[in-house]
Amino acid sequence: MTIRYLRQPKQMFQITVREVVESYGEPPVIFPLAEFKKALSKKMRGVKFAGRGQRSAHVYYPHEKFTRGVISIRDDSFVVMSRTIENARYAAHNTEHFMQQSKNLNTAVKKAAAALTAWSLDELATIHADPYTTGRESRVQEVGARVVGELTNLGVERDSSALEMLTRMVHSIPDRRIKTYVEDLIQYDAELAEISDIGISPTFIYVGQDHHGQQHLDTLCLETIGYSYARTDRHPVRHYERSPQEGYDDLVGKISVLNMATVGDYVSGVGMKVDEDMFYVC
């Protein structure tokens, strides 16, 4: 299968629907923005708007996680801004790079409908790549430090033969303090070996709902995950509760464990809850 490199969309577009609805609400009905909204509503059935002022509005669907972009009025032109637009006349660091405009309403509506697309699972999977990668690496380093600490307590260097010997003789060690050091060393070393491999290739899960309001789990197996990107050769899989595919129960079980954890805390062998509806599971 073809390997896909997934890059995180710019922070400026990571605006949740909840955020704009709670912060802005429905924008005032003022011409010509109202004309743009009315025409776009006919093209994008069920779309909603949240005001940013008299001349611009966020565009969103209530059942989706993030807004799709912004429409606005600039001088006598209709403007759309979206993460999917690449206006080559402007550099990538310029906000104009993500804008298209037209003085003709019909043309502007066509451009807006084409650019204001739903966020893909590929995009969502990269949003919290940094906290997941950082959290997992911190956990590996933490357990590694505990292994070193126990070795220091025992006055030995880390060596596979030494660990094997200590494991074999742990039950016959008469000194309780030394025995505790050895037991802790064996535990931490086993955990370090486990978490050093597990979690490098997590599965991203988004708990969402479709436009009918039916909840689902969207999943994507990732080959590797970095601080602002991910790599995969898989395609997203959608799980509905009433028609569970293979592995559904395992995913639900891990989500149940992570739901009891704090957002951003890496749980060894399970994964991380990165948002109220987003998870990386091992």
Protein backbone atom coordinates (compact mmCIF):
# COMPACT_ATOMS: atom_id res chain seq x y z
CA MET A 1 0.00 0.00 0.00
CA THR A 2 1.09 3.59 -0.59
CA ILE A 3 2.63 5.38 2.39
CA ARG A 4 1.03 8.71 3.18
CA TYR A 5 2.77 11.48 5.11
CA LEU A 6 0.21 13.41 7.15
CA ARG A 7 1.04 16.99 8.11
CA GLN A 8 -0.67 18.97 10.84
CA PRO A 9 -2.89 21.81 9.56
CA LYS A 10 -1.87 25.27 10.74
CA GLN A 11 -2.90 26.25 14.24
CA MET A 12 -4.96 29.16 12.92
CA PHE A 13 -7.48 26.69 11.46
CA GLN A 14 -7.78 24.48 14.54
CA ILE A 15 -10.93 26.22 15.73
CA THR A 16 -13.60 24.01 17.26
CA VAL A 17 -17.29 24.35 16.53
CA ARG A 18 -17.99 24.54 20.27
CA GLU A 19 -15.57 27.43 20.60
CA VAL A 20 -17.15 29.61 17.92
CA VAL A 21 -20.72 28.82 18.93
CA GLU A 22 -20.04 29.70 22.57
CA SER A 23 -17.93 32.76 21.73
CA TYR A 24 -19.82 34.30 18.86
CA GLY A 25 -23.22 32.78 18.22
CA GLU A 26 -25.21 33.61 15.10
CA PRO A 27 -23.75 36.64 13.28
CA PRO A 28 -25.87 39.73 12.58
CA VAL A 29 -27.79 39.73 9.31
CA ILE A 30 -26.05 42.50 7.40
CA PHE A 31 -25.81 42.88 3.64
CA PRO A 32 -23.72 41.82 1.67
CA LEU A 33 -22.45 39.11 4.04
CA ALA A 34 -26.04 37.93 4.44
CA GLU A 35 -26.26 37.54 0.67
CA PHE A 36 -23.09 35.42 0.67
CA LYS A 37 -24.41 33.25 3.51
CA LYS A 38 -27.78 32.72 1.86
CA ALA A 39 -26.24 31.67 -1.44
CA LEU A 40 -23.71 29.37 0.24
CA SER A 41 -26.47 27.76 2.34
CA LYS A 42 -28.18 26.64 -0.86
CA LYS A 43 -24.95 25.02 -2.03
CA MET A 44 -23.98 23.50 1.34
CA ARG A 45 -27.19 22.16 2.84
CA GLY A 46 -27.40 22.39 6.63
CA VAL A 47 -24.35 24.65 7.00
CA LYS A 48 -24.24 27.11 9.91
CA PHE A 49 -22.43 30.38 10.57
CA ALA A 50 -20.97 31.97 13.68
CA GLY A 51 -20.20 35.67 13.64
CA ARG A 52 -16.81 37.32 13.77
CA GLY A 53 -18.27 40.74 13.12
CA GLN A 54 -20.37 42.42 10.49
CA ARG A 55 -18.14 41.43 7.58
CA SER A 56 -17.02 37.84 8.32
CA ALA A 57 -18.30 34.55 9.75
CA HIS A 58 -17.04 31.09 10.62
CA VAL A 59 -18.57 28.29 8.55
CA TYR A 60 -19.41 25.00 10.29
CA TYR A 61 -21.65 21.98 10.66
CA PRO A 62 -22.92 21.30 14.21
CA HIS A 63 -21.93 17.60 14.22
CA GLU A 64 -18.30 18.24 13.23
CA LYS A 65 -15.28 18.88 15.46
CA PHE A 66 -13.70 21.87 13.71
CA THR A 67 -15.06 24.74 11.68
CA ARG A 68 -14.46 24.56 7.95
CA GLY A 69 -13.14 28.08 7.47
CA VAL A 70 -14.26 31.69 7.20
CA ILE A 71 -16.19 33.72 4.66
CA SER A 72 -15.93 37.48 4.58
CA ILE A 73 -16.47 40.67 2.62
CA ARG A 74 -13.44 42.71 1.56
CA ASP A 75 -14.13 45.95 -0.28
CA ASP A 76 -16.46 44.75 -3.05
CA SER A 77 -15.27 41.12 -3.10
CA PHE A 78 -16.51 37.89 -1.53
CA VAL A 79 -13.67 36.08 0.26
CA VAL A 80 -13.21 32.54 1.55
CA MET A 81 -10.35 31.40 3.82
CA SER A 82 -9.64 27.72 4.36
CA ARG A 83 -6.79 25.35 5.22
CA THR A 84 -7.36 23.65 1.83
CA ILE A 85 -6.53 26.77 -0.21
CA GLU A 86 -3.02 27.40 -1.51
CA ASN A 87 -2.82 30.76 -3.22
CA ALA A 88 0.63 30.64 -4.86
CA ARG A 89 0.76 34.42 -5.25
CA TYR A 90 1.47 34.70 -1.53
CA ALA A 91 4.03 33.03 0.74
CA ALA A 92 2.83 30.25 3.06
CA HIS A 93 3.34 32.45 6.16
CA ASN A 94 0.94 35.06 4.76
CA THR A 95 -2.74 34.59 5.58
CA GLU A 96 -3.54 35.60 1.99
CA HIS A 97 -1.99 32.28 0.97
CA PHE A 98 -5.13 30.59 2.30
CA MET A 99 -7.63 32.94 0.66
CA GLN A 100 -9.57 33.14 -2.58
CA GLN A 101 -11.86 35.96 -3.58
CA SER A 102 -14.21 37.01 -6.34
CA LYS A 103 -16.43 39.97 -7.09
CA ASN A 104 -18.96 37.62 -8.63
CA LEU A 105 -21.22 35.98 -6.03
CA ASN A 106 -21.83 32.76 -7.96
CA THR A 107 -18.12 32.28 -8.57
CA ALA A 108 -17.36 33.01 -4.91
CA VAL A 109 -19.95 30.44 -3.76
CA LYS A 110 -18.45 27.76 -6.01
CA LYS A 111 -14.96 28.50 -4.65
CA ALA A 112 -16.19 28.49 -1.08
CA ALA A 113 -18.09 25.20 -1.43
CA ALA A 114 -15.02 23.55 -2.96
CA ALA A 115 -12.64 24.88 -0.29
CA LEU A 116 -14.77 24.50 2.84
CA THR A 117 -14.46 20.73 3.17
CA ALA A 118 -14.87 18.54 6.24
CA TRP A 119 -11.73 17.72 8.20
CA SER A 120 -10.39 14.32 7.24
CA LEU A 121 -9.24 11.73 9.77
CA ASP A 122 -5.75 12.13 8.29
CA GLU A 123 -5.80 15.75 9.44
CA LEU A 124 -7.33 15.00 12.84
CA ALA A 125 -4.72 12.32 13.52
CA THR A 126 -1.94 14.91 13.49
CA ILE A 127 -3.54 17.58 15.68
CA HIS A 128 -2.26 16.14 18.97
CA ALA A 129 0.84 14.40 17.64
CA ASP A 130 3.14 16.61 19.72
CA PRO A 131 1.57 15.94 23.16
CA TYR A 132 1.32 12.21 22.42
CA THR A 133 4.93 11.90 21.29
CA THR A 134 6.17 14.07 24.16
CA GLY A 135 4.08 12.21 26.73
CA ARG A 136 5.17 8.79 25.55
CA GLU A 137 8.86 9.74 25.44
CA SER A 138 8.61 11.29 28.91
CA ARG A 139 7.14 8.05 30.25
CA VAL A 140 9.93 5.99 28.67
CA GLN A 141 12.55 8.32 30.17
CA GLU A 142 10.84 8.20 33.57
CA VAL A 143 10.87 4.40 33.71
CA GLY A 144 14.43 4.34 32.36
CA ALA A 145 15.50 6.66 35.19
CA ARG A 146 13.90 4.29 37.72
CA VAL A 147 15.88 1.38 36.28
CA VAL A 148 19.10 3.38 36.63
CA GLY A 149 18.13 4.34 40.18
CA GLU A 150 17.63 0.73 41.25
CA LEU A 151 20.90 -0.31 39.62
CA THR A 152 22.62 2.47 41.55
CA ASN A 153 21.04 1.23 44.79
CA LEU A 154 22.44 -2.22 44.08
CA GLY A 155 25.82 -0.89 42.99
CA VAL A 156 25.79 -2.77 39.66
CA GLU A 157 25.89 -1.75 36.02
CA ARG A 158 23.12 -2.62 33.60
CA ASP A 159 23.96 -5.91 31.97
CA SER A 160 21.68 -8.61 30.62
CA SER A 161 23.58 -11.39 32.41
CA ALA A 162 23.45 -9.46 35.70
CA LEU A 163 19.70 -8.97 35.35
CA GLU A 164 19.21 -12.66 34.57
CA MET A 165 21.22 -13.63 37.62
CA LEU A 166 19.33 -11.26 39.91
CA THR A 167 16.02 -12.53 38.54
CA ARG A 168 16.96 -16.13 39.30
CA MET A 169 18.17 -15.41 42.82
CA VAL A 170 15.64 -12.79 43.93
CA HIS A 171 13.61 -15.22 46.07
CA SER A 172 16.69 -16.39 47.95
CA ILE A 173 18.02 -12.94 48.88
CA PRO A 174 17.89 -12.73 52.70
CA ASP A 175 18.27 -8.94 53.02
CA ARG A 176 14.77 -7.46 52.68
CA ARG A 177 16.03 -4.07 51.52
CA ILE A 178 18.22 -5.57 48.79
CA LYS A 179 15.42 -7.91 47.76
CA THR A 180 13.07 -4.93 47.36
CA TYR A 181 15.64 -3.16 45.16
CA VAL A 182 15.94 -6.25 42.96
CA GLU A 183 12.16 -6.74 42.70
CA ASP A 184 11.69 -3.11 41.72
CA LEU A 185 14.53 -3.36 39.19
CA ILE A 186 12.95 -6.42 37.55
CA GLN A 187 9.57 -4.66 37.39
CA TYR A 188 10.90 -1.42 35.94
CA ASP A 189 13.16 -3.19 33.45
CA ALA A 190 10.24 -5.27 32.17
CA GLU A 191 8.06 -2.17 31.88
CA LEU A 192 10.83 -0.30 30.05
CA ALA A 193 11.23 -3.15 27.56
CA GLU A 194 7.48 -3.12 26.96
CA ILE A 195 6.86 0.60 26.56
CA SER A 196 9.98 1.12 24.45
CA ASP A 197 8.23 -0.80 21.66
CA ILE A 198 4.54 -0.40 22.37
CA GLY A 199 3.01 2.90 21.32
CA ILE A 200 5.44 3.79 18.53
CA SER A 201 2.72 2.87 16.05
CA PRO A 202 -0.56 3.82 17.76
CA THR A 203 -4.09 3.83 16.42
CA PHE A 204 -5.78 7.22 16.37
CA ILE A 205 -9.44 7.27 17.37
CA TYR A 206 -11.96 10.06 16.93
CA VAL A 207 -15.31 9.59 18.66
CA GLY A 208 -17.67 11.58 16.47
CA GLN A 209 -21.15 11.57 15.06
CA ASP A 210 -22.59 11.74 11.58
CA HIS A 211 -25.15 14.27 10.38
CA HIS A 212 -27.93 11.98 11.63
CA GLY A 213 -26.52 12.21 15.16
CA GLN A 214 -25.38 8.56 15.26
CA GLN A 215 -22.12 8.08 17.16
CA HIS A 216 -19.19 6.28 15.59
CA LEU A 217 -15.49 5.58 16.09
CA ASP A 218 -13.24 6.70 13.25
CA THR A 219 -9.88 4.93 13.47
CA LEU A 220 -6.57 5.15 11.65
CA CYS A 221 -3.55 2.90 12.27
CA LEU A 222 -0.36 4.97 12.18
CA GLU A 223 3.02 3.54 11.28
CA THR A 224 4.99 6.30 12.98
CA ILE A 225 4.08 9.54 14.69
CA GLY A 226 6.25 12.63 15.19
CA TYR A 227 5.77 16.04 16.75
CA SER A 228 3.67 17.53 13.93
CA TYR A 229 3.18 14.70 11.48
CA ALA A 230 2.29 11.05 11.12
CA ARG A 231 2.98 8.37 8.55
CA THR A 232 0.65 5.57 7.55
CA ASP A 233 -0.01 3.04 4.81
CA ARG A 234 -3.54 2.37 6.05
CA HIS A 235 -6.90 3.96 5.36
CA PRO A 236 -9.45 5.14 7.97
CA VAL A 237 -12.01 2.66 9.28
CA ARG A 238 -15.36 3.70 10.71
CA HIS A 239 -16.97 1.61 13.47
CA TYR A 240 -20.65 1.94 14.35
CA GLU A 241 -21.89 0.54 17.64
CA ARG A 242 -24.64 -1.51 16.03
CA SER A 243 -22.37 -3.09 13.42
CA PRO A 244 -19.04 -3.68 15.21
CA GLN A 245 -16.12 -4.85 13.10
CA GLU A 246 -13.22 -6.92 14.31
CA GLY A 247 -11.31 -5.14 17.05
CA TYR A 248 -14.19 -2.87 18.07
CA ASP A 249 -14.50 -4.25 21.60
CA ASP A 250 -10.76 -3.86 22.19
CA LEU A 251 -10.90 -0.22 21.09
CA VAL A 252 -13.87 0.50 23.34
CA GLY A 253 -12.08 -1.14 26.26
CA LYS A 254 -9.00 1.04 25.85
CA ILE A 255 -11.12 4.18 25.46
CA SER A 256 -12.89 3.27 28.71
CA VAL A 257 -9.54 3.09 30.52
CA LEU A 258 -8.28 6.35 29.00
CA ASN A 259 -11.52 8.17 29.82
CA MET A 260 -10.61 7.77 33.49
CA ALA A 261 -7.20 9.37 32.89
CA THR A 262 -6.36 13.05 32.64
CA VAL A 263 -6.08 14.53 29.16
CA GLY A 264 -2.42 14.45 28.16
CA ASP A 265 -1.32 11.67 30.55
CA TYR A 266 0.30 8.71 28.80
CA VAL A 267 -0.89 5.36 30.18
CA SER A 268 1.66 2.61 29.60
CA GLY A 269 0.37 -0.12 27.32
CA VAL A 270 -2.90 1.71 26.66
CA GLY A 271 -2.22 5.12 25.11
CA MET A 272 -3.31 8.69 25.71
CA LYS A 273 -6.51 10.69 25.86
CA VAL A 274 -5.57 13.84 23.93
CA ASP A 275 -8.99 15.48 23.92
CA GLU A 276 -12.48 14.67 25.15
CA ASP A 277 -13.19 12.84 21.89
CA MET A 278 -9.72 11.98 20.58
CA PHE A 279 -7.38 9.16 21.60
CA TYR A 280 -4.17 7.42 20.62
CA VAL A 281 -4.26 3.76 21.68
CA CYS A 282 -1.41 1.25 21.68
